[in-house]
PDB file of N, CA and C in Angstrom:
ATOM      1  N   UNK A   1     -23.813  75.956 -13.685  1.00  0.00           N
ATOM      2  CA  UNK A   1     -23.787  74.848 -12.785  1.00  0.00           C
ATOM      3  C   UNK A   1     -25.120  74.203 -12.317  1.00  0.00           C
ATOM      4  N   UNK A   2     -25.377  73.099 -12.526  1.00  0.00           N
ATOM      5  CA  UNK A   2     -26.613  72.466 -12.037  1.00  0.00           C
ATOM      6  C   UNK A   2     -26.496  71.425 -10.888  1.00  0.00           C
ATOM      7  N   UNK A   3     -27.344  71.656  -9.624  1.00  0.00           N
ATOM      8  CA  UNK A   3     -27.385  71.000  -8.553  1.00  0.00           C
ATOM      9  C   UNK A   3     -28.856  70.774  -8.009  1.00  0.00           C
ATOM     10  N   UNK A   4     -28.906  69.470  -7.656  1.00  0.00           N
ATOM     11  CA  UNK A   4     -30.197  69.183  -6.614  1.00  0.00           C
ATOM     12  C   UNK A   4     -30.218  68.982  -5.249  1.00  0.00           C
ATOM     13  N   UNK A   5     -31.145  68.707  -4.815  1.00  0.00           N
ATOM     14  CA  UNK A   5     -31.118  67.958  -3.484  1.00  0.00           C
ATOM     15  C   UNK A   5     -30.853  66.929  -3.739  1.00  0.00           C
ATOM     16  N   UNK A   6     -29.979  65.810  -2.912  1.00  0.00           N
ATOM     17  CA  UNK A   6     -30.077  66.223  -1.556  1.00  0.00           C
ATOM     18  C   UNK A   6     -29.012  67.060  -1.066  1.00  0.00           C
ATOM     19  N   UNK A   7     -28.163  67.733  -2.023  1.00  0.00           N
ATOM     20  CA  UNK A   7     -26.990  68.803  -1.773  1.00  0.00           C
ATOM     21  C   UNK A   7     -27.861  69.885  -1.795  1.00  0.00           C
ATOM     22  N   UNK A   8     -27.023  71.206  -0.661  1.00  0.00           N
ATOM     23  CA  UNK A   8     -27.733  72.371  -0.502  1.00  0.00           C
ATOM     24  C   UNK A   8     -27.575  73.393  -1.728  1.00  0.00           C
ATOM     25  N   UNK A   9     -28.553  74.134  -1.903  1.00  0.00           N
ATOM     26  CA  UNK A   9     -28.652  75.037  -2.530  1.00  0.00           C
ATOM     27  C   UNK A   9     -28.711  76.524  -1.812  1.00  0.00           C
ATOM     28  N   UNK A  10     -27.722  77.302  -2.136  1.00  0.00           N
ATOM     29  CA  UNK A  10     -27.710  78.493  -1.189  1.00  0.00           C
ATOM     30  C   UNK A  10     -28.194  79.735  -1.984  1.00  0.00           C
ATOM     31  N   UNK A  11     -29.054  80.425  -1.638  1.00  0.00           N
ATOM     32  CA  UNK A  11     -29.032  81.708  -2.382  1.00  0.00           C
ATOM     33  C   UNK A  11     -28.722  82.810  -1.220  1.00  0.00           C
ATOM     34  N   UNK A  12     -27.880  83.852  -1.778  1.00  0.00           N
ATOM     35  CA  UNK A  12     -27.501  84.946  -0.946  1.00  0.00           C
ATOM     36  C   UNK A  12     -27.549  86.095  -1.621  1.00  0.00           C
ATOM     37  N   UNK A  13     -27.845  87.174  -0.792  1.00  0.00           N
ATOM     38  CA  UNK A  13     -28.376  88.611  -1.678  1.00  0.00           C
ATOM     39  C   UNK A  13     -26.663  89.066  -2.002  1.00  0.00           C
ATOM     40  N   UNK A  14     -26.733  89.364  -3.319  1.00  0.00           N
ATOM     41  CA  UNK A  14     -25.175  89.861  -3.891  1.00  0.00           C
ATOM     42  C   UNK A  14     -24.706  90.833  -3.277  1.00  0.00           C
ATOM     43  N   UNK A  15     -25.357  91.710  -2.507  1.00  0.00           N
ATOM     44  CA  UNK A  15     -24.700  92.957  -1.940  1.00  0.00           C
ATOM     45  C   UNK A  15     -24.547  92.745  -0.685  1.00  0.00           C
ATOM     46  N   UNK A  16     -25.668  92.224   0.169  1.00  0.00           N
ATOM     47  CA  UNK A  16     -25.126  92.099   1.464  1.00  0.00           C
ATOM     48  C   UNK A  16     -24.696  90.669   1.952  1.00  0.00           C
ATOM     49  N   UNK A  17     -24.992  89.485   1.215  1.00  0.00           N
ATOM     50  CA  UNK A  17     -24.210  88.261   1.788  1.00  0.00           C
ATOM     51  C   UNK A  17     -25.312  87.927   2.763  1.00  0.00           C
ATOM     52  N   UNK A  18     -26.605  88.512   3.007  1.00  0.00           N
ATOM     53  CA  UNK A  18     -27.430  87.615   3.599  1.00  0.00           C
ATOM     54  C   UNK A  18     -28.113  86.851   2.875  1.00  0.00           C
ATOM     55  N   UNK A  19     -28.634  85.705   3.639  1.00  0.00           N
ATOM     56  CA  UNK A  19     -29.446  84.428   3.006  1.00  0.00           C
ATOM     57  C   UNK A  19     -30.764  85.158   2.145  1.00  0.00           C
ATOM     58  N   UNK A  20     -31.233  84.387   0.929  1.00  0.00           N
ATOM     59  CA  UNK A  20     -32.752  84.805   0.753  1.00  0.00           C
ATOM     60  C   UNK A  20     -33.485  83.801   0.527  1.00  0.00           C
ATOM     61  N   UNK A  21     -34.806  83.300   1.088  1.00  0.00           N
ATOM     62  CA  UNK A  21     -35.537  82.611   1.347  1.00  0.00           C
ATOM     63  C   UNK A  21     -36.020  82.298   0.005  1.00  0.00           C
ATOM     64  N   UNK A  22     -36.785  81.077  -0.219  1.00  0.00           N
ATOM     65  CA  UNK A  22     -37.487  81.119  -1.632  1.00  0.00           C
ATOM     66  C   UNK A  22     -38.867  81.852  -1.654  1.00  0.00           C
ATOM     67  N   UNK A  23     -39.268  82.293  -0.300  1.00  0.00           N
ATOM     68  CA  UNK A  23     -40.410  83.028  -0.105  1.00  0.00           C
ATOM     69  C   UNK A  23     -40.124  84.325  -0.581  1.00  0.00           C
ATOM     70  N   UNK A  24     -38.804  84.934  -0.362  1.00  0.00           N
ATOM     71  CA  UNK A  24     -38.474  86.279  -0.336  1.00  0.00           C
ATOM     72  C   UNK A  24     -37.809  86.459  -1.759  1.00  0.00           C
ATOM     73  N   UNK A  25     -37.581  85.724  -2.380  1.00  0.00           N
ATOM     74  CA  UNK A  25     -36.795  85.828  -3.863  1.00  0.00           C
ATOM     75  C   UNK A  25     -37.822  86.458  -4.963  1.00  0.00           C
ATOM     76  N   UNK A  26     -37.533  87.490  -5.416  1.00  0.00           N
ATOM     77  CA  UNK A  26     -38.456  88.012  -6.475  1.00  0.00           C
ATOM     78  C   UNK A  26     -37.638  88.568  -7.990  1.00  0.00           C
ATOM     79  N   UNK A  27     -38.282  88.805  -8.703  1.00  0.00           N
ATOM     80  CA  UNK A  27     -37.549  88.911 -10.158  1.00  0.00           C
ATOM     81  C   UNK A  27     -36.642  90.208  -9.774  1.00  0.00           C
ATOM     82  N   UNK A  28     -35.522  90.230 -10.149  1.00  0.00           N
ATOM     83  CA  UNK A  28     -34.693  91.488 -10.030  1.00  0.00           C
ATOM     84  C   UNK A  28     -33.898  91.658  -9.040  1.00  0.00           C
ATOM     85  N   UNK A  29     -34.167  90.626  -8.077  1.00  0.00           N
ATOM     86  CA  UNK A  29     -33.191  90.572  -6.616  1.00  0.00           C
ATOM     87  C   UNK A  29     -31.888  89.924  -7.404  1.00  0.00           C
ATOM     88  N   UNK A  30     -30.799  90.746  -7.042  1.00  0.00           N
ATOM     89  CA  UNK A  30     -29.344  90.245  -7.339  1.00  0.00           C
ATOM     90  C   UNK A  30     -29.050  89.411  -6.225  1.00  0.00           C
ATOM     91  N   UNK A  31     -28.735  88.155  -6.850  1.00  0.00           N
ATOM     92  CA  UNK A  31     -28.433  86.952  -5.569  1.00  0.00           C
ATOM     93  C   UNK A  31     -27.188  86.409  -6.084  1.00  0.00           C
ATOM     94  N   UNK A  32     -26.437  85.467  -5.422  1.00  0.00           N
ATOM     95  CA  UNK A  32     -25.258  84.507  -5.685  1.00  0.00           C
ATOM     96  C   UNK A  32     -25.958  83.165  -5.182  1.00  0.00           C
ATOM     97  N   UNK A  33     -25.667  82.203  -6.105  1.00  0.00           N
ATOM     98  CA  UNK A  33     -26.313  80.744  -5.665  1.00  0.00           C
ATOM     99  C   UNK A  33     -25.115  80.076  -5.678  1.00  0.00           C
ATOM    100  N   UNK A  34     -25.065  79.146  -4.399  1.00  0.00           N
ATOM    101  CA  UNK A  34     -23.780  78.402  -4.280  1.00  0.00           C
ATOM    102  C   UNK A  34     -24.490  77.047  -3.808  1.00  0.00           C
ATOM    103  N   UNK A  35     -23.878  75.880  -4.347  1.00  0.00           N
ATOM    104  CA  UNK A  35     -23.986  74.714  -4.155  1.00  0.00           C
ATOM    105  C   UNK A  35     -22.937  73.800  -2.902  1.00  0.00           C
ATOM    106  N   UNK A  36     -23.589  73.368  -2.275  1.00  0.00           N
ATOM    107  CA  UNK A  36     -22.500  72.765  -1.460  1.00  0.00           C
ATOM    108  C   UNK A  36     -22.835  71.477  -0.938  1.00  0.00           C
ATOM    109  N   UNK A  37     -22.014  70.462  -0.736  1.00  0.00           N
ATOM    110  CA  UNK A  37     -22.483  69.088  -0.598  1.00  0.00           C
ATOM    111  C   UNK A  37     -23.120  68.537   0.724  1.00  0.00           C
ATOM    112  N   UNK A  38     -24.205  67.851   0.332  1.00  0.00           N
ATOM    113  CA  UNK A  38     -24.735  67.355   1.581  1.00  0.00           C
ATOM    114  C   UNK A  38     -24.052  66.208   2.390  1.00  0.00           C
ATOM    115  N   UNK A  39     -24.740  65.923   3.453  1.00  0.00           N
ATOM    116  CA  UNK A  39     -23.883  64.670   4.417  1.00  0.00           C
ATOM    117  C   UNK A  39     -23.993  63.389   3.652  1.00  0.00           C
ATOM    118  N   UNK A  40     -22.977  62.634   3.498  1.00  0.00           N
ATOM    119  CA  UNK A  40     -22.930  61.556   2.778  1.00  0.00           C
ATOM    120  C   UNK A  40     -23.973  60.426   2.736  1.00  0.00           C
ATOM    121  N   UNK A  41     -24.632  60.464   3.989  1.00  0.00           N
ATOM    122  CA  UNK A  41     -25.669  59.582   4.396  1.00  0.00           C
ATOM    123  C   UNK A  41     -27.082  59.886   3.509  1.00  0.00           C
ATOM    124  N   UNK A  42     -27.250  61.389   3.043  1.00  0.00           N
ATOM    125  CA  UNK A  42     -28.083  61.502   2.189  1.00  0.00           C
ATOM    126  C   UNK A  42     -27.907  61.033   0.860  1.00  0.00           C
ATOM    127  N   UNK A  43     -26.804  60.609   0.606  1.00  0.00           N
ATOM    128  CA  UNK A  43     -26.744  59.837  -1.194  1.00  0.00           C
ATOM    129  C   UNK A  43     -27.195  58.370  -0.798  1.00  0.00           C
ATOM    130  N   UNK A  44     -27.645  57.744   0.014  1.00  0.00           N
ATOM    131  CA  UNK A  44     -27.711  56.646   0.375  1.00  0.00           C
ATOM    132  C   UNK A  44     -29.174  56.262  -0.541  1.00  0.00           C
ATOM    133  N   UNK A  45     -29.703  55.075  -0.894  1.00  0.00           N
ATOM    134  CA  UNK A  45     -31.016  55.158  -2.153  1.00  0.00           C
ATOM    135  C   UNK A  45     -32.021  55.359  -1.118  1.00  0.00           C
ATOM    136  N   UNK A  46     -31.892  54.998   0.058  1.00  0.00           N
ATOM    137  CA  UNK A  46     -33.382  55.158   0.850  1.00  0.00           C
ATOM    138  C   UNK A  46     -33.347  56.645   1.470  1.00  0.00           C
ATOM    139  N   UNK A  47     -32.229  57.338   1.463  1.00  0.00           N
ATOM    140  CA  UNK A  47     -32.340  58.790   1.762  1.00  0.00           C
ATOM    141  C   UNK A  47     -32.596  59.516   0.454  1.00  0.00           C
ATOM    142  N   UNK A  48     -32.512  59.066  -0.828  1.00  0.00           N
ATOM    143  CA  UNK A  48     -33.168  59.797  -1.702  1.00  0.00           C
ATOM    144  C   UNK A  48     -34.316  59.682  -2.220  1.00  0.00           C
ATOM    145  N   UNK A  49     -34.828  58.422  -1.759  1.00  0.00           N
ATOM    146  CA  UNK A  49     -36.152  58.531  -1.705  1.00  0.00           C
ATOM    147  C   UNK A  49     -37.303  59.963  -0.937  1.00  0.00           C
ATOM    148  N   UNK A  50     -36.454  60.131   0.310  1.00  0.00           N
ATOM    149  CA  UNK A  50     -37.014  61.202   1.149  1.00  0.00           C
ATOM    150  C   UNK A  50     -36.515  62.434   0.789  1.00  0.00           C
ATOM    151  N   UNK A  51     -35.234  62.687   0.497  1.00  0.00           N
ATOM    152  CA  UNK A  51     -34.934  64.207  -0.045  1.00  0.00           C
ATOM    153  C   UNK A  51     -34.357  64.296  -1.556  1.00  0.00           C
ATOM    154  N   UNK A  52     -34.679  63.526  -2.331  1.00  0.00           N
ATOM    155  CA  UNK A  52     -34.205  63.733  -3.642  1.00  0.00           C
ATOM    156  C   UNK A  52     -34.870  64.348  -4.540  1.00  0.00           C
ATOM    157  N   UNK A  53     -34.793  64.585  -5.933  1.00  0.00           N
ATOM    158  CA  UNK A  53     -35.667  65.681  -6.592  1.00  0.00           C
ATOM    159  C   UNK A  53     -37.205  64.942  -6.690  1.00  0.00           C
ATOM    160  N   UNK A  54     -36.956  63.731  -6.973  1.00  0.00           N
ATOM    161  CA  UNK A  54     -38.196  62.928  -7.348  1.00  0.00           C
ATOM    162  C   UNK A  54     -39.457  63.244  -6.037  1.00  0.00           C
ATOM    163  N   UNK A  55     -38.771  63.111  -4.743  1.00  0.00           N
ATOM    164  CA  UNK A  55     -39.876  63.585  -3.712  1.00  0.00           C
ATOM    165  C   UNK A  55     -40.517  64.754  -3.887  1.00  0.00           C
ATOM    166  N   UNK A  56     -39.699  65.915  -4.290  1.00  0.00           N
ATOM    167  CA  UNK A  56     -40.232  67.307  -4.629  1.00  0.00           C
ATOM    168  C   UNK A  56     -41.140  67.384  -6.088  1.00  0.00           C
ATOM    169  N   UNK A  57     -41.005  66.392  -6.625  1.00  0.00           N
ATOM    170  CA  UNK A  57     -42.035  66.429  -8.014  1.00  0.00           C
ATOM    171  C   UNK A  57     -41.185  66.482  -9.085  1.00  0.00           C
ATOM    172  N   UNK A  58     -40.022  66.615  -8.940  1.00  0.00           N
ATOM    173  CA  UNK A  58     -39.053  66.839 -10.188  1.00  0.00           C
ATOM    174  C   UNK A  58     -38.652  65.189 -10.834  1.00  0.00           C
ATOM    175  N   UNK A  59     -39.013  65.405 -12.148  1.00  0.00           N
ATOM    176  CA  UNK A  59     -38.479  64.041 -12.949  1.00  0.00           C
ATOM    177  C   UNK A  59     -37.047  63.950 -13.252  1.00  0.00           C
ATOM    178  N   UNK A  60     -36.121  64.059 -12.558  1.00  0.00           N
ATOM    179  CA  UNK A  60     -34.888  63.902 -12.955  1.00  0.00           C
ATOM    180  C   UNK A  60     -34.061  63.116 -11.686  1.00  0.00           C
ATOM    181  N   UNK A  61     -32.930  62.548 -11.828  1.00  0.00           N
ATOM    182  CA  UNK A  61     -32.182  61.773 -10.786  1.00  0.00           C
ATOM    183  C   UNK A  61     -31.315  62.993 -10.104  1.00  0.00           C
ATOM    184  N   UNK A  62     -30.788  62.642  -8.988  1.00  0.00           N
ATOM    185  CA  UNK A  62     -30.044  63.797  -8.426  1.00  0.00           C
ATOM    186  C   UNK A  62     -28.687  64.178  -9.117  1.00  0.00           C
ATOM    187  N   UNK A  63     -28.644  65.598  -9.035  1.00  0.00           N
ATOM    188  CA  UNK A  63     -27.258  65.808  -9.614  1.00  0.00           C
ATOM    189  C   UNK A  63     -26.670  66.582  -8.644  1.00  0.00           C
ATOM    190  N   UNK A  64     -25.130  65.916  -8.373  1.00  0.00           N
ATOM    191  CA  UNK A  64     -24.566  66.166  -7.000  1.00  0.00           C
ATOM    192  C   UNK A  64     -23.389  67.352  -7.369  1.00  0.00           C
ATOM    193  N   UNK A  65     -23.103  68.032  -6.144  1.00  0.00           N
ATOM    194  CA  UNK A  65     -21.931  69.086  -6.676  1.00  0.00           C
ATOM    195  C   UNK A  65     -20.933  68.495  -7.034  1.00  0.00           C
ATOM    196  N   UNK A  66     -20.392  67.374  -6.306  1.00  0.00           N
ATOM    197  CA  UNK A  66     -18.988  66.857  -7.192  1.00  0.00           C
ATOM    198  C   UNK A  66     -19.118  66.258  -8.425  1.00  0.00           C
ATOM    199  N   UNK A  67     -20.278  66.225  -9.200  1.00  0.00           N
ATOM    200  CA  UNK A  67     -20.587  65.640 -10.301  1.00  0.00           C
ATOM    201  C   UNK A  67     -20.648  66.854 -11.306  1.00  0.00           C
ATOM    202  N   UNK A  68     -20.594  68.103 -10.686  1.00  0.00           N
ATOM    203  CA  UNK A  68     -20.511  69.281 -11.572  1.00  0.00           C
ATOM    204  C   UNK A  68     -18.995  69.202 -12.029  1.00  0.00           C
ATOM    205  N   UNK A  69     -18.750  69.690 -13.337  1.00  0.00           N
ATOM    206  CA  UNK A  69     -17.402  69.806 -13.663  1.00  0.00           C
ATOM    207  C   UNK A  69     -16.932  71.499 -13.611  1.00  0.00           C
ATOM    208  N   UNK A  70     -15.882  71.385 -12.940  1.00  0.00           N
ATOM    209  CA  UNK A  70     -15.442  73.073 -12.997  1.00  0.00           C
ATOM    210  C   UNK A  70     -15.068  73.794 -14.076  1.00  0.00           C
ATOM    211  N   UNK A  71     -15.626  75.111 -14.241  1.00  0.00           N
ATOM    212  CA  UNK A  71     -15.236  75.731 -15.674  1.00  0.00           C
ATOM    213  C   UNK A  71     -13.650  76.335 -15.435  1.00  0.00           C
ATOM    214  N   UNK A  72     -13.220  76.686 -16.379  1.00  0.00           N
ATOM    215  CA  UNK A  72     -11.783  77.235 -16.579  1.00  0.00           C
ATOM    216  C   UNK A  72     -11.830  78.544 -15.413  1.00  0.00           C
ATOM    217  N   UNK A  73     -10.671  78.283 -14.798  1.00  0.00           N
ATOM    218  CA  UNK A  73     -10.604  79.383 -13.484  1.00  0.00           C
ATOM    219  C   UNK A  73     -11.212  79.017 -12.036  1.00  0.00           C
ATOM    220  N   UNK A  74     -11.459  77.722 -12.434  1.00  0.00           N
ATOM    221  CA  UNK A  74     -12.056  77.125 -10.998  1.00  0.00           C
ATOM    222  C   UNK A  74     -13.352  76.983 -10.530  1.00  0.00           C
ATOM    223  N   UNK A  75     -14.242  78.104 -11.253  1.00  0.00           N
ATOM    224  CA  UNK A  75     -15.470  78.217 -11.185  1.00  0.00           C
ATOM    225  C   UNK A  75     -16.403  77.447 -11.474  1.00  0.00           C
ATOM    226  N   UNK A  76     -17.601  77.177 -10.541  1.00  0.00           N
ATOM    227  CA  UNK A  76     -18.533  75.900 -11.181  1.00  0.00           C
ATOM    228  C   UNK A  76     -19.707  76.648 -12.106  1.00  0.00           C
TER     229      UNK A  76
END
């Protein structure tokens, strides 16, 4: 699954379910990553300028959760 801002990218510890911040993430840390749709207002062009991938230095357009096809079995 590929998801980017402005949608939410949520990283959880696979054993405890506790959130893992980017500062705490380390090689070998077992995590589960979830994507959740952001607020509809964040999809407006003027919002994308402030919260989209290009704002953070990535050279691609937003990839939204609802644009990601489901795999067989319903998993993303």
